[in-house]
Amino acid sequence: MTEYEGNAKILVGDVDCTAAGKPLCDSNGVGGFPTIKHGDPANLEDYKGGRDFAALSSFAKDLKPLCSPANMDLCEPEQKAEIEKIQAMSEADLDAAIAVQDQKAKDAEALFDSELEKLQASYKQLQTDKENTLAEVKKSGVGLMKSVKASKKKTAAKEEL
């Protein structure tokens, strides 16, 4: 953080998602810690690189401004057209469009959590069933059966000699 302190183009900061920073973390999809994000503050992306100092430093040095409403000169024609289309929307229409997409994201998270809970319950049941079956097999005397079979093989081999 100190390496980029005062940099006009790069901000390296940390946020306590359990305290005052919680709304910022929630609005940017931070679900686990530590999470590293980069990009436009209003549209942060997940960092997927290495976590050691060398990897983070190299990544930060390669950062460049991105296409955004504040940097239209960096946009491809399609990106610029999309930004201009969105800029032409009313505040109410923007709020509604954002709400629809936010709800899709919440629904996807809820479905994931629900299905994960089902998978965990299924796993737990399969684990219990397996343990019960293995206990039944052991209780059946299979170990003794294997011992008798091995003993018979030894006896038969001795008799053949």
C-alpha atoms as a PDB file:
ATOM      1  CA  MET A   1       0.000   0.000   0.000  1.00  0.00           C
ATOM      2  CA  THR A   2       2.811   2.413   0.832  1.00  0.00           C
ATOM      3  CA  GLU A   3       4.416   1.802  -2.583  1.00  0.00           C
ATOM      4  CA  TYR A   4       1.348   3.304  -4.315  1.00  0.00           C
ATOM      5  CA  GLU A   5       0.437   5.936  -1.722  1.00  0.00           C
ATOM      6  CA  GLY A   6      -0.372   9.187  -3.499  1.00  0.00           C
ATOM      7  CA  ASN A   7      -0.451   7.537  -6.962  1.00  0.00           C
ATOM      8  CA  ALA A   8      -2.995   9.359  -9.135  1.00  0.00           C
ATOM      9  CA  LYS A   9      -3.946   6.243 -11.118  1.00  0.00           C
ATOM     10  CA  ILE A  10      -3.608   3.348  -8.673  1.00  0.00           C
ATOM     11  CA  LEU A  11      -5.171   2.966  -5.252  1.00  0.00           C
ATOM     12  CA  VAL A  12      -4.191   0.008  -3.121  1.00  0.00           C
ATOM     13  CA  GLY A  13      -6.329  -0.178  -0.026  1.00  0.00           C
ATOM     14  CA  ASP A  14      -7.883  -2.562   2.421  1.00  0.00           C
ATOM     15  CA  VAL A  15     -11.426  -2.754   3.712  1.00  0.00           C
ATOM     16  CA  ASP A  16     -12.686  -4.346   6.917  1.00  0.00           C
ATOM     17  CA  CYS A  17     -15.749  -6.217   5.660  1.00  0.00           C
ATOM     18  CA  THR A  18     -16.881  -6.981   9.201  1.00  0.00           C
ATOM     19  CA  ALA A  19     -17.191  -3.336  10.229  1.00  0.00           C
ATOM     20  CA  ALA A  20     -17.727  -0.023   8.425  1.00  0.00           C
ATOM     21  CA  GLY A  21     -16.689  -1.530   5.079  1.00  0.00           C
ATOM     22  CA  LYS A  22     -19.448  -4.166   5.086  1.00  0.00           C
ATOM     23  CA  PRO A  23     -21.758  -2.278   2.643  1.00  0.00           C
ATOM     24  CA  LEU A  24     -18.867  -1.863   0.183  1.00  0.00           C
ATOM     25  CA  CYS A  25     -17.982  -5.544   0.457  1.00  0.00           C
ATOM     26  CA  ASP A  26     -21.620  -6.614   0.049  1.00  0.00           C
ATOM     27  CA  SER A  27     -22.089  -4.459  -3.040  1.00  0.00           C
ATOM     28  CA  ASN A  28     -18.957  -5.951  -4.620  1.00  0.00           C
ATOM     29  CA  GLY A  29     -19.723  -9.600  -3.952  1.00  0.00           C
ATOM     30  CA  VAL A  30     -17.054 -10.205  -1.329  1.00  0.00           C
ATOM     31  CA  GLY A  31     -17.967 -13.504   0.285  1.00  0.00           C
ATOM     32  CA  GLY A  32     -14.686 -14.776   1.712  1.00  0.00           C
ATOM     33  CA  PHE A  33     -11.552 -13.317   3.151  1.00  0.00           C
ATOM     34  CA  PRO A  34      -9.073 -12.300   1.981  1.00  0.00           C
ATOM     35  CA  THR A  35     -10.570 -11.145  -1.317  1.00  0.00           C
ATOM     36  CA  ILE A  36      -8.644  -9.030  -3.792  1.00  0.00           C
ATOM     37  CA  LYS A  37     -10.496  -6.882  -6.328  1.00  0.00           C
ATOM     38  CA  HIS A  38      -9.282  -4.518  -9.034  1.00  0.00           C
ATOM     39  CA  GLY A  39     -10.642  -2.165 -11.655  1.00  0.00           C
ATOM     40  CA  ASP A  40     -13.201   0.612 -11.700  1.00  0.00           C
ATOM     41  CA  PRO A  41     -14.409   1.212  -8.120  1.00  0.00           C
ATOM     42  CA  ALA A  42     -18.009   0.945  -9.319  1.00  0.00           C
ATOM     43  CA  ASN A  43     -17.327  -2.271 -11.251  1.00  0.00           C
ATOM     44  CA  LEU A  44     -14.604  -4.214  -9.456  1.00  0.00           C
ATOM     45  CA  GLU A  45     -13.291  -7.489 -10.867  1.00  0.00           C
ATOM     46  CA  ASP A  46     -11.925 -10.503  -8.981  1.00  0.00           C
ATOM     47  CA  TYR A  47      -8.135 -10.786  -8.896  1.00  0.00           C
ATOM     48  CA  LYS A  48      -7.092 -14.318  -9.786  1.00  0.00           C
ATOM     49  CA  GLY A  49      -3.309 -14.059  -9.699  1.00  0.00           C
ATOM     50  CA  GLY A  50      -0.691 -15.072  -7.171  1.00  0.00           C
ATOM     51  CA  ARG A  51      -0.907 -13.885  -3.574  1.00  0.00           C
ATOM     52  CA  ASP A  52       2.774 -13.334  -2.842  1.00  0.00           C
ATOM     53  CA  PHE A  53       4.303  -9.858  -2.879  1.00  0.00           C
ATOM     54  CA  ALA A  54       6.132 -10.344  -6.196  1.00  0.00           C
ATOM     55  CA  ALA A  55       2.954 -11.408  -8.033  1.00  0.00           C
ATOM     56  CA  LEU A  56       0.845  -8.621  -6.521  1.00  0.00           C
ATOM     57  CA  SER A  57       3.516  -5.998  -7.192  1.00  0.00           C
ATOM     58  CA  SER A  58       3.931  -7.130 -10.801  1.00  0.00           C
ATOM     59  CA  PHE A  59       0.170  -7.065 -11.310  1.00  0.00           C
ATOM     60  CA  ALA A  60      -0.116  -3.556  -9.839  1.00  0.00           C
ATOM     61  CA  LYS A  61       2.719  -2.257 -12.040  1.00  0.00           C
ATOM     62  CA  ASP A  62       0.911  -3.552 -15.137  1.00  0.00           C
ATOM     63  CA  LEU A  63      -2.401  -1.865 -14.260  1.00  0.00           C
ATOM     64  CA  LYS A  64      -3.659   0.625 -16.792  1.00  0.00           C
ATOM     65  CA  PRO A  65      -6.815   2.707 -16.906  1.00  0.00           C
ATOM     66  CA  LEU A  66      -9.763   0.827 -18.416  1.00  0.00           C
ATOM     67  CA  CYS A  67     -12.645   1.784 -20.620  1.00  0.00           C
ATOM     68  CA  SER A  68     -15.276   3.426 -18.424  1.00  0.00           C
ATOM     69  CA  PRO A  69     -17.574   6.455 -18.426  1.00  0.00           C
ATOM     70  CA  ALA A  70     -14.608   8.423 -17.023  1.00  0.00           C
ATOM     71  CA  ASN A  71     -12.230   7.113 -19.727  1.00  0.00           C
ATOM     72  CA  MET A  72     -14.301   7.024 -22.925  1.00  0.00           C
ATOM     73  CA  ASP A  73     -11.166   7.604 -25.020  1.00  0.00           C
ATOM     74  CA  LEU A  74      -9.975   4.115 -24.009  1.00  0.00           C
ATOM     75  CA  CYS A  75     -13.142   2.403 -25.232  1.00  0.00           C
ATOM     76  CA  GLU A  76     -13.696   0.373 -28.370  1.00  0.00           C
ATOM     77  CA  PRO A  77     -16.602   1.638 -30.514  1.00  0.00           C
ATOM     78  CA  GLU A  78     -18.943  -1.108 -29.199  1.00  0.00           C
ATOM     79  CA  GLN A  79     -18.051  -0.323 -25.590  1.00  0.00           C
ATOM     80  CA  LYS A  80     -18.515   3.390 -26.164  1.00  0.00           C
ATOM     81  CA  ALA A  81     -21.931   2.787 -27.767  1.00  0.00           C
ATOM     82  CA  GLU A  82     -22.999   0.620 -24.805  1.00  0.00           C
ATOM     83  CA  ILE A  83     -21.910   3.279 -22.295  1.00  0.00           C
ATOM     84  CA  GLU A  84     -23.728   5.990 -24.259  1.00  0.00           C
ATOM     85  CA  LYS A  85     -26.879   3.836 -24.407  1.00  0.00           C
ATOM     86  CA  ILE A  86     -26.771   3.357 -20.644  1.00  0.00           C
ATOM     87  CA  GLN A  87     -26.010   7.039 -20.044  1.00  0.00           C
ATOM     88  CA  ALA A  88     -29.159   7.924 -22.000  1.00  0.00           C
ATOM     89  CA  MET A  89     -31.320   5.916 -19.570  1.00  0.00           C
ATOM     90  CA  SER A  90     -33.283   7.735 -16.908  1.00  0.00           C
ATOM     91  CA  GLU A  91     -32.321   7.332 -13.259  1.00  0.00           C
ATOM     92  CA  ALA A  92     -35.459   5.244 -12.677  1.00  0.00           C
ATOM     93  CA  ASP A  93     -34.727   3.000 -15.668  1.00  0.00           C
ATOM     94  CA  LEU A  94     -31.113   2.561 -14.506  1.00  0.00           C
ATOM     95  CA  ASP A  95     -32.288   1.664 -10.994  1.00  0.00           C
ATOM     96  CA  ALA A  96     -34.777  -0.850 -12.406  1.00  0.00           C
ATOM     97  CA  ALA A  97     -32.205  -2.457 -14.725  1.00  0.00           C
ATOM     98  CA  ILE A  98     -29.664  -2.695 -11.899  1.00  0.00           C
ATOM     99  CA  ALA A  99     -32.299  -4.165  -9.566  1.00  0.00           C
ATOM    100  CA  VAL A 100     -33.159  -6.871 -12.134  1.00  0.00           C
ATOM    101  CA  GLN A 101     -29.512  -7.907 -12.488  1.00  0.00           C
ATOM    102  CA  ASP A 102     -28.882  -7.720  -8.731  1.00  0.00           C
ATOM    103  CA  GLN A 103     -31.909  -9.973  -8.192  1.00  0.00           C
ATOM    104  CA  LYS A 104     -30.563 -12.461 -10.754  1.00  0.00           C
ATOM    105  CA  ALA A 105     -27.296 -12.570  -8.825  1.00  0.00           C
ATOM    106  CA  LYS A 106     -29.113 -13.027  -5.495  1.00  0.00           C
ATOM    107  CA  ASP A 107     -31.277 -15.774  -7.002  1.00  0.00           C
ATOM    108  CA  ALA A 108     -28.185 -17.556  -8.332  1.00  0.00           C
ATOM    109  CA  GLU A 109     -26.551 -17.373  -4.888  1.00  0.00           C
ATOM    110  CA  ALA A 110     -29.734 -18.622  -3.192  1.00  0.00           C
ATOM    111  CA  LEU A 111     -30.057 -21.524  -5.644  1.00  0.00           C
ATOM    112  CA  PHE A 112     -26.407 -22.411  -5.152  1.00  0.00           C
ATOM    113  CA  ASP A 113     -26.751 -22.350  -1.356  1.00  0.00           C
ATOM    114  CA  SER A 114     -29.946 -24.421  -1.480  1.00  0.00           C
ATOM    115  CA  GLU A 115     -28.485 -27.041  -3.816  1.00  0.00           C
ATOM    116  CA  LEU A 116     -25.235 -27.140  -1.844  1.00  0.00           C
ATOM    117  CA  GLU A 117     -27.221 -27.811   1.321  1.00  0.00           C
ATOM    118  CA  LYS A 118     -28.971 -30.708  -0.455  1.00  0.00           C
ATOM    119  CA  LEU A 119     -25.631 -32.082  -1.657  1.00  0.00           C
ATOM    120  CA  GLN A 120     -24.189 -31.859   1.836  1.00  0.00           C
ATOM    121  CA  ALA A 121     -27.203 -33.703   3.273  1.00  0.00           C
ATOM    122  CA  SER A 122     -26.888 -36.350   0.559  1.00  0.00           C
ATOM    123  CA  TYR A 123     -23.152 -36.707   1.241  1.00  0.00           C
ATOM    124  CA  LYS A 124     -23.808 -37.075   4.957  1.00  0.00           C
ATOM    125  CA  GLN A 125     -26.413 -39.775   4.296  1.00  0.00           C
ATOM    126  CA  LEU A 126     -24.113 -41.630   1.874  1.00  0.00           C
ATOM    127  CA  GLN A 127     -21.294 -41.481   4.427  1.00  0.00           C
ATOM    128  CA  THR A 128     -23.578 -42.873   7.142  1.00  0.00           C
ATOM    129  CA  ASP A 129     -24.866 -45.623   4.824  1.00  0.00           C
ATOM    130  CA  LYS A 130     -21.312 -46.587   3.852  1.00  0.00           C
ATOM    131  CA  GLU A 131     -20.176 -46.728   7.483  1.00  0.00           C
ATOM    132  CA  ASN A 132     -23.204 -48.843   8.441  1.00  0.00           C
ATOM    133  CA  THR A 133     -22.621 -51.254   5.548  1.00  0.00           C
ATOM    134  CA  LEU A 134     -18.921 -51.593   6.382  1.00  0.00           C
ATOM    135  CA  ALA A 135     -19.822 -52.291  10.013  1.00  0.00           C
ATOM    136  CA  GLU A 136     -22.311 -54.978   8.858  1.00  0.00           C
ATOM    137  CA  VAL A 137     -19.659 -56.559   6.616  1.00  0.00           C
ATOM    138  CA  LYS A 138     -17.182 -56.663   9.468  1.00  0.00           C
ATOM    139  CA  LYS A 139     -19.811 -58.046  11.847  1.00  0.00           C
ATOM    140  CA  SER A 140     -20.715 -60.761   9.311  1.00  0.00           C
ATOM    141  CA  GLY A 141     -17.453 -62.547   9.989  1.00  0.00           C
ATOM    142  CA  VAL A 142     -15.906 -61.901   6.589  1.00  0.00           C
ATOM    143  CA  GLY A 143     -12.504 -61.486   8.230  1.00  0.00           C
ATOM    144  CA  LEU A 144     -12.745 -64.970   9.707  1.00  0.00           C
ATOM    145  CA  MET A 145     -13.944 -66.315   6.330  1.00  0.00           C
ATOM    146  CA  LYS A 146     -10.859 -64.842   4.638  1.00  0.00           C
ATOM    147  CA  SER A 147      -8.637 -66.321   7.330  1.00  0.00           C
ATOM    148  CA  VAL A 148     -10.182 -69.795   6.877  1.00  0.00           C
ATOM    149  CA  LYS A 149      -9.820 -69.534   3.086  1.00  0.00           C
ATOM    150  CA  ALA A 150      -6.141 -68.591   3.407  1.00  0.00           C
ATOM    151  CA  SER A 151      -5.604 -71.455   5.842  1.00  0.00           C
ATOM    152  CA  LYS A 152      -7.233 -73.910   3.410  1.00  0.00           C
ATOM    153  CA  LYS A 153      -4.933 -72.704   0.622  1.00  0.00           C
ATOM    154  CA  LYS A 154      -1.868 -73.284   2.814  1.00  0.00           C
ATOM    155  CA  THR A 155      -3.088 -76.737   3.807  1.00  0.00           C
ATOM    156  CA  ALA A 156      -3.838 -77.670   0.180  1.00  0.00           C
ATOM    157  CA  ALA A 157      -0.416 -76.450  -0.915  1.00  0.00           C
ATOM    158  CA  LYS A 158       1.319 -78.534   1.756  1.00  0.00           C
ATOM    159  CA  GLU A 159      -0.673 -81.640   0.763  1.00  0.00           C
ATOM    160  CA  GLU A 160       0.372 -81.254  -2.859  1.00  0.00           C
ATOM    161  CA  LEU A 161       4.027 -81.347  -1.899  1.00  0.00           C
END
